[in-house]
Amino acid sequence: MLVKVKRKLWAALGSSKARHGGRKKLLVRIQVAVAQCTGHGDVPIEDRYVDEILFLVSNAPVSAAFLSRRISARLAATRDPVVALKALLLLHRLLRGGDRRFERDIGTQWSSGELELDLSWCSHSFLVSYSSFLEERMGWIINHAGMLEPIRAPQPREEEKDESMVLHMISRCQVFLDRAMECLPHEEASWPSQVMRSALDIILRESFRVYRSFCDGLVILLSGSFQLRKPSGDFLALGILKEACIQTPRLHEFYENCKRRNLGRILDFPSVGIITTDQVSVMRQHQNEVQENNVEESEASRSRFASSKLETKISQVWVAFDEEESRG
């Protein structure tokens, strides 16, 4: 009996060591793949290494924390802009290639501080701008339709849900597009052109999708059927349109500048519609008319209530009931 117990104990210990050894090997493979993706050469990251990292993490979700720490350590340890750019690009490609669980796990690591994009040592404008873009990108996911959408949406009351969601989406789109436009690189001969072009291709692709969502939101906002129930909603909507008057010409010029510099040369750039101050004026006039109608309806309702006074009359006539009727 004692021999059997010892055998089971040793078998359990052996199984535990095997699992521990297997996990250790998996983490080593992730570490090696990260190093291979973030070498010093000015060459794009190979797809096979990105696919390997995604495969390894998908088979051991807890390793997302280890992956986050490795990317953070790579950024913190290097002073080489090529290596730093590749580390940022690797994170971006993993976000695009991973499934919903991977996005959630990486987002958790970002929120908890395990994943850090510390570039305090860096003076290269593109790297700093790309880091800021990725910080915003961490708040977005790829939905089932292949479109980007914010992961942190407000939870309004049911009667205000549609209004709040539309305004929130448009506002987040504007922030995303601003971060993308900030990534237009300066003319610096020392820049690693191949890696930078790879990063810009992804930034541009995602900006196209977000711009499409931005346009869809504006169509709803500018339609006569869209009703804003709260004064704060009116204020936010007008602020969004005023910002769009400034932002859409800048976005148009940004895309034209990219095309002139042969950036995103294989991409199909969208045609940017310019929002004008006339459209803002039309919306303001429409909102004023809606508010005036609401005031008039409210005053009319109060007037009708006041005119229909309730009166209590006391009758002077006594009515006598028979005894049988009173019992009934």
Protein backbone atom coordinates (compact mmCIF):
# COMPACT_ATOMS: atom_id res chain seq x y z
CA MET A 1 0.00 0.00 0.00
CA LEU A 2 2.82 2.39 0.94
CA VAL A 3 4.59 1.61 -2.33
CA LYS A 4 1.50 2.51 -4.36
CA VAL A 5 1.16 5.84 -2.52
CA LYS A 6 4.81 6.67 -3.21
CA ARG A 7 4.38 5.82 -6.91
CA LYS A 8 1.34 8.09 -7.19
CA LEU A 9 3.20 10.87 -5.40
CA TRP A 10 6.21 10.62 -7.69
CA ALA A 11 3.92 10.46 -10.73
CA ALA A 12 2.15 13.64 -9.59
CA LEU A 13 5.45 15.40 -8.99
CA GLY A 14 6.69 14.30 -12.39
CA SER A 15 3.53 15.57 -14.07
CA SER A 16 3.89 18.91 -12.25
CA LYS A 17 7.51 19.22 -13.35
CA ALA A 18 6.53 18.35 -16.92
CA ARG A 19 3.84 21.04 -16.93
CA HIS A 20 6.23 23.56 -15.40
CA GLY A 21 8.92 22.62 -17.89
CA GLY A 22 6.49 22.87 -20.78
CA ARG A 23 5.33 26.30 -19.66
CA LYS A 24 8.92 27.44 -19.27
CA LYS A 25 9.73 26.31 -22.80
CA LEU A 26 6.67 28.16 -24.11
CA LEU A 27 7.74 31.40 -22.42
CA VAL A 28 11.26 31.01 -23.80
CA ARG A 29 9.81 30.60 -27.29
CA ILE A 30 7.77 33.78 -26.84
CA GLN A 31 10.86 35.65 -25.64
CA VAL A 32 12.88 34.44 -28.64
CA ALA A 33 10.09 35.38 -31.07
CA VAL A 34 9.86 38.90 -29.59
CA ALA A 35 13.64 39.28 -29.96
CA GLN A 36 13.45 38.09 -33.59
CA CYS A 37 10.70 40.63 -34.33
CA THR A 38 12.60 43.53 -32.79
CA GLY A 39 16.10 43.19 -34.20
CA HIS A 40 18.33 46.08 -35.27
CA GLY A 41 17.98 45.65 -39.03
CA ASP A 42 15.81 47.93 -41.15
CA VAL A 43 13.62 45.08 -42.38
CA PRO A 44 9.86 44.59 -41.82
CA ILE A 45 8.72 42.11 -39.18
CA GLU A 46 8.19 38.65 -40.65
CA ASP A 47 4.65 37.28 -40.52
CA ARG A 48 5.78 33.89 -39.22
CA TYR A 49 7.11 35.35 -35.97
CA VAL A 50 3.91 37.31 -35.35
CA ASP A 51 1.85 34.20 -36.08
CA GLU A 52 4.03 32.14 -33.74
CA ILE A 53 3.52 34.58 -30.85
CA LEU A 54 -0.24 34.59 -31.40
CA PHE A 55 -0.27 30.79 -31.52
CA LEU A 56 1.78 30.41 -28.35
CA VAL A 57 -0.28 32.92 -26.37
CA SER A 58 -3.57 31.39 -27.56
CA ASN A 59 -2.45 28.03 -26.15
CA ALA A 60 -1.54 29.60 -22.78
CA PRO A 61 -3.63 32.76 -22.17
CA VAL A 62 -1.80 33.51 -18.91
CA SER A 63 1.32 34.12 -21.00
CA ALA A 64 -0.20 37.43 -22.21
CA ALA A 65 1.27 39.02 -19.09
CA PHE A 66 4.72 37.64 -19.94
CA LEU A 67 4.41 38.91 -23.52
CA SER A 68 3.42 42.37 -22.27
CA ARG A 69 6.41 42.50 -19.94
CA ARG A 70 8.78 41.43 -22.73
CA ILE A 71 7.56 44.17 -25.08
CA SER A 72 7.73 46.73 -22.27
CA ALA A 73 11.24 45.61 -21.34
CA ARG A 74 12.35 45.82 -24.96
CA LEU A 75 11.16 49.42 -25.18
CA ALA A 76 12.66 50.38 -21.83
CA ALA A 77 16.07 48.79 -22.45
CA THR A 78 16.80 50.01 -25.97
CA ARG A 79 17.96 53.40 -27.13
CA ASP A 80 17.87 52.34 -30.77
CA PRO A 81 14.92 53.95 -32.61
CA VAL A 82 14.75 50.99 -35.01
CA VAL A 83 14.29 48.50 -32.18
CA ALA A 84 11.77 50.75 -30.43
CA LEU A 85 9.79 51.22 -33.63
CA LYS A 86 9.73 47.48 -34.23
CA ALA A 87 8.49 46.86 -30.67
CA LEU A 88 5.62 49.29 -31.23
CA LEU A 89 4.88 47.80 -34.63
CA LEU A 90 4.88 44.29 -33.15
CA LEU A 91 2.28 45.31 -30.58
CA HIS A 92 0.15 46.91 -33.30
CA ARG A 93 0.30 43.82 -35.49
CA LEU A 94 -0.56 41.55 -32.57
CA LEU A 95 -3.62 43.69 -31.79
CA ARG A 96 -4.75 43.37 -35.40
CA GLY A 97 -4.05 39.65 -35.65
CA GLY A 98 -5.29 38.40 -32.29
CA ASP A 99 -8.78 37.18 -31.45
CA ARG A 100 -11.21 38.84 -29.04
CA ARG A 101 -9.73 37.06 -26.02
CA PHE A 102 -6.22 38.18 -26.93
CA GLU A 103 -7.42 41.78 -27.31
CA ARG A 104 -9.10 41.59 -23.92
CA ASP A 105 -6.02 40.07 -22.25
CA ILE A 106 -3.67 42.69 -23.72
CA GLY A 107 -6.12 45.42 -22.75
CA THR A 108 -6.10 44.10 -19.19
CA GLN A 109 -2.30 44.17 -19.14
CA TRP A 110 -2.38 47.76 -20.40
CA SER A 111 -4.90 48.85 -17.77
CA SER A 112 -2.94 47.17 -14.97
CA GLY A 113 0.35 48.76 -16.01
CA GLU A 114 2.06 45.50 -17.03
CA LEU A 115 2.25 46.80 -20.60
CA GLU A 116 4.09 50.12 -20.79
CA LEU A 117 5.06 52.20 -23.81
CA ASP A 118 7.76 54.24 -22.12
CA LEU A 119 9.61 56.40 -24.63
CA SER A 120 10.67 59.16 -22.27
CA TRP A 121 14.21 58.80 -23.60
CA CYS A 122 13.18 59.30 -27.21
CA SER A 123 13.24 62.55 -29.19
CA HIS A 124 12.11 61.13 -32.55
CA SER A 125 8.76 62.72 -33.37
CA PHE A 126 7.37 59.74 -35.27
CA LEU A 127 8.11 57.31 -32.44
CA VAL A 128 6.49 59.57 -29.87
CA SER A 129 3.44 60.11 -32.10
CA TYR A 130 3.15 56.41 -32.88
CA SER A 131 3.28 55.60 -29.17
CA SER A 132 0.44 58.08 -28.51
CA PHE A 133 -1.53 56.55 -31.38
CA LEU A 134 -1.14 53.06 -29.89
CA GLU A 135 -2.26 54.31 -26.48
CA GLU A 136 -5.50 55.43 -28.13
CA ARG A 137 -5.64 52.21 -30.19
CA MET A 138 -5.63 50.15 -26.98
CA GLY A 139 -9.14 51.49 -26.38
CA TRP A 140 -10.50 49.99 -29.62
CA ILE A 141 -11.34 46.49 -30.80
CA ILE A 142 -12.06 44.92 -34.17
CA ASN A 143 -15.72 43.86 -34.22
CA HIS A 144 -17.30 40.97 -36.12
CA ALA A 145 -17.78 43.19 -39.18
CA GLY A 146 -14.05 43.92 -39.31
CA MET A 147 -14.55 47.53 -38.19
CA LEU A 148 -12.86 49.24 -35.27
CA GLU A 149 -15.08 50.31 -32.39
CA PRO A 150 -14.35 51.76 -28.92
CA ILE A 151 -14.35 49.21 -26.11
CA ARG A 152 -15.36 51.65 -23.39
CA ALA A 153 -18.76 53.05 -24.24
CA PRO A 154 -20.98 54.97 -21.80
CA GLN A 155 -24.00 53.31 -20.23
CA PRO A 156 -26.77 55.89 -20.58
CA ARG A 157 -30.41 55.57 -19.63
CA GLU A 158 -32.48 53.58 -22.11
CA GLU A 159 -34.32 56.61 -23.53
CA GLU A 160 -30.99 58.38 -24.20
CA LYS A 161 -29.07 55.34 -25.43
CA ASP A 162 -29.08 55.99 -29.20
CA GLU A 163 -28.21 59.67 -28.79
CA SER A 164 -25.36 59.02 -26.37
CA MET A 165 -23.87 56.15 -28.39
CA VAL A 166 -23.80 58.15 -31.64
CA LEU A 167 -22.17 61.18 -30.02
CA HIS A 168 -19.66 59.00 -28.16
CA MET A 169 -18.67 57.12 -31.33
CA ILE A 170 -18.16 60.30 -33.39
CA SER A 171 -16.14 61.93 -30.62
CA ARG A 172 -13.87 58.88 -30.25
CA CYS A 173 -13.42 58.73 -34.02
CA GLN A 174 -12.22 62.32 -34.00
CA VAL A 175 -9.60 61.55 -31.34
CA PHE A 176 -8.44 58.47 -33.26
CA LEU A 177 -8.07 60.41 -36.51
CA ASP A 178 -6.15 63.19 -34.74
CA ARG A 179 -3.69 60.62 -33.37
CA ALA A 180 -3.29 59.12 -36.84
CA MET A 181 -2.59 62.51 -38.45
CA GLU A 182 0.07 63.25 -35.86
CA CYS A 183 2.03 60.24 -37.18
CA LEU A 184 2.95 61.90 -40.46
CA PRO A 185 6.78 61.65 -40.32
CA HIS A 186 9.11 64.56 -40.78
CA GLU A 187 11.74 64.42 -43.50
CA GLU A 188 14.56 62.75 -41.57
CA ALA A 189 17.26 61.01 -43.57
CA SER A 190 18.17 58.84 -40.58
CA TRP A 191 14.77 57.19 -40.42
CA PRO A 192 14.41 53.44 -41.06
CA SER A 193 12.16 53.80 -44.08
CA GLN A 194 11.03 50.18 -44.50
CA VAL A 195 9.84 49.66 -40.93
CA MET A 196 8.27 53.12 -40.80
CA ARG A 197 6.35 52.46 -44.02
CA SER A 198 5.05 49.19 -42.58
CA ALA A 199 3.77 51.04 -39.52
CA LEU A 200 2.22 53.83 -41.60
CA ASP A 201 0.44 51.34 -43.84
CA ILE A 202 -1.35 49.89 -40.80
CA ILE A 203 -2.09 53.34 -39.34
CA LEU A 204 -3.60 54.45 -42.65
CA ARG A 205 -5.65 51.27 -43.10
CA GLU A 206 -7.18 51.64 -39.67
CA SER A 207 -7.79 55.37 -40.13
CA PHE A 208 -9.80 54.57 -43.28
CA ARG A 209 -12.10 52.28 -41.29
CA VAL A 210 -12.53 54.78 -38.48
CA TYR A 211 -13.19 57.57 -40.98
CA ARG A 212 -15.99 55.45 -42.45
CA SER A 213 -17.57 55.11 -38.99
CA PHE A 214 -17.07 58.85 -38.49
CA CYS A 215 -18.97 59.58 -41.73
CA ASP A 216 -21.79 57.19 -40.77
CA GLY A 217 -22.14 59.01 -37.45
CA LEU A 218 -22.18 62.43 -39.09
CA VAL A 219 -24.92 61.33 -41.51
CA ILE A 220 -27.07 60.39 -38.50
CA LEU A 221 -26.19 63.56 -36.62
CA LEU A 222 -26.97 65.85 -39.57
CA SER A 223 -30.22 64.11 -40.44
CA GLY A 224 -33.43 65.91 -39.52
CA SER A 225 -34.72 62.79 -37.73
CA PHE A 226 -31.95 62.78 -35.10
CA GLN A 227 -33.39 64.30 -31.92
CA LEU A 228 -31.21 65.44 -29.01
CA ARG A 229 -33.12 65.12 -25.74
CA LYS A 230 -30.69 66.88 -23.41
CA PRO A 231 -29.12 70.37 -23.61
CA SER A 232 -25.74 68.74 -22.95
CA GLY A 233 -26.30 66.64 -26.07
CA ASP A 234 -26.92 69.80 -28.11
CA PHE A 235 -23.70 71.33 -26.80
CA LEU A 236 -21.66 68.17 -27.54
CA ALA A 237 -23.12 67.79 -31.03
CA LEU A 238 -22.28 71.38 -31.96
CA GLY A 239 -18.78 70.93 -30.56
CA ILE A 240 -18.33 67.80 -32.69
CA LEU A 241 -19.42 69.65 -35.83
CA LYS A 242 -17.21 72.66 -35.11
CA GLU A 243 -14.26 70.30 -34.62
CA ALA A 244 -15.18 68.52 -37.87
CA CYS A 245 -14.98 71.86 -39.72
CA ILE A 246 -11.35 72.08 -38.64
CA GLN A 247 -10.50 68.39 -38.78
CA THR A 248 -11.85 67.30 -42.17
CA PRO A 249 -9.69 69.74 -44.21
CA ARG A 250 -6.68 68.59 -42.19
CA LEU A 251 -7.55 64.94 -42.82
CA HIS A 252 -7.90 65.62 -46.54
CA GLU A 253 -4.48 67.28 -46.60
CA PHE A 254 -2.99 64.46 -44.52
CA TYR A 255 -4.08 61.82 -47.02
CA GLU A 256 -2.94 63.94 -49.96
CA ASN A 257 0.43 64.46 -48.28
CA CYS A 258 0.82 60.71 -47.75
CA LYS A 259 0.06 60.07 -51.41
CA ARG A 260 2.53 62.74 -52.55
CA ARG A 261 5.24 61.12 -50.44
CA ASN A 262 4.34 57.68 -51.75
CA LEU A 263 3.19 56.43 -48.34
CA GLY A 264 0.52 53.76 -48.40
CA ARG A 265 1.08 53.45 -52.13
CA ILE A 266 -0.91 50.21 -52.46
CA LEU A 267 -3.88 51.53 -50.49
CA ASP A 268 -7.18 52.90 -51.75
CA PHE A 269 -7.48 56.27 -50.04
CA PRO A 270 -10.99 57.54 -49.24
CA SER A 271 -12.35 60.82 -50.56
CA VAL A 272 -12.73 63.10 -47.54
CA GLY A 273 -15.91 65.14 -47.35
CA ILE A 274 -15.27 68.62 -45.94
CA ILE A 275 -17.67 69.72 -43.21
CA THR A 276 -18.50 73.42 -43.59
CA THR A 277 -19.65 76.11 -41.19
CA ASP A 278 -22.90 76.31 -43.18
CA GLN A 279 -23.75 72.77 -42.05
CA VAL A 280 -23.06 73.76 -38.46
CA SER A 281 -25.34 76.79 -38.87
CA VAL A 282 -28.11 74.63 -40.33
CA MET A 283 -27.91 72.23 -37.42
CA ARG A 284 -27.88 75.06 -34.88
CA GLN A 285 -30.97 76.55 -36.55
CA HIS A 286 -32.68 73.16 -36.58
CA GLN A 287 -31.92 72.63 -32.88
CA ASN A 288 -33.21 76.12 -32.03
CA GLU A 289 -36.45 75.36 -33.86
CA VAL A 290 -36.84 72.08 -32.00
CA GLN A 291 -36.23 73.81 -28.67
CA GLU A 292 -38.74 76.57 -29.51
CA ASN A 293 -41.34 73.96 -30.48
CA ASN A 294 -40.75 72.12 -27.22
CA VAL A 295 -41.19 75.37 -25.25
CA GLU A 296 -44.39 76.21 -27.12
CA GLU A 297 -45.81 72.74 -26.55
CA SER A 298 -44.93 72.93 -22.85
CA GLU A 299 -46.60 76.35 -22.47
CA ALA A 300 -49.68 75.16 -24.37
CA SER A 301 -49.93 72.15 -22.11
CA ARG A 302 -49.75 74.32 -18.99
CA SER A 303 -52.36 76.66 -20.43
CA ARG A 304 -54.78 73.82 -21.13
CA PHE A 305 -54.32 72.51 -17.60
CA ALA A 306 -54.95 75.95 -16.07
CA SER A 307 -58.15 76.53 -18.09
CA SER A 308 -59.74 73.26 -17.02
CA LYS A 309 -60.30 74.07 -13.30
CA LEU A 310 -61.67 71.33 -11.11
CA GLU A 311 -64.67 72.50 -9.01
CA THR A 312 -66.33 70.82 -6.04
CA LYS A 313 -70.06 71.58 -5.65
CA ILE A 314 -72.04 70.93 -2.47
CA SER A 315 -75.70 70.04 -3.08
CA GLN A 316 -78.38 71.52 -0.83
CA VAL A 317 -80.90 68.74 -1.64
CA TRP A 318 -81.38 65.98 0.92
CA VAL A 319 -82.13 62.55 -0.43
CA ALA A 320 -84.03 60.12 1.81
CA PHE A 321 -83.46 56.37 1.43
CA ASP A 322 -85.95 53.74 2.39
CA GLU A 323 -84.89 51.36 5.08
CA GLU A 324 -84.96 48.40 2.67
CA GLU A 325 -82.83 50.26 0.14
CA SER A 326 -80.33 51.17 2.81
CA ARG A 327 -79.99 47.50 3.79
CA GLY A 328 -79.52 46.53 0.17
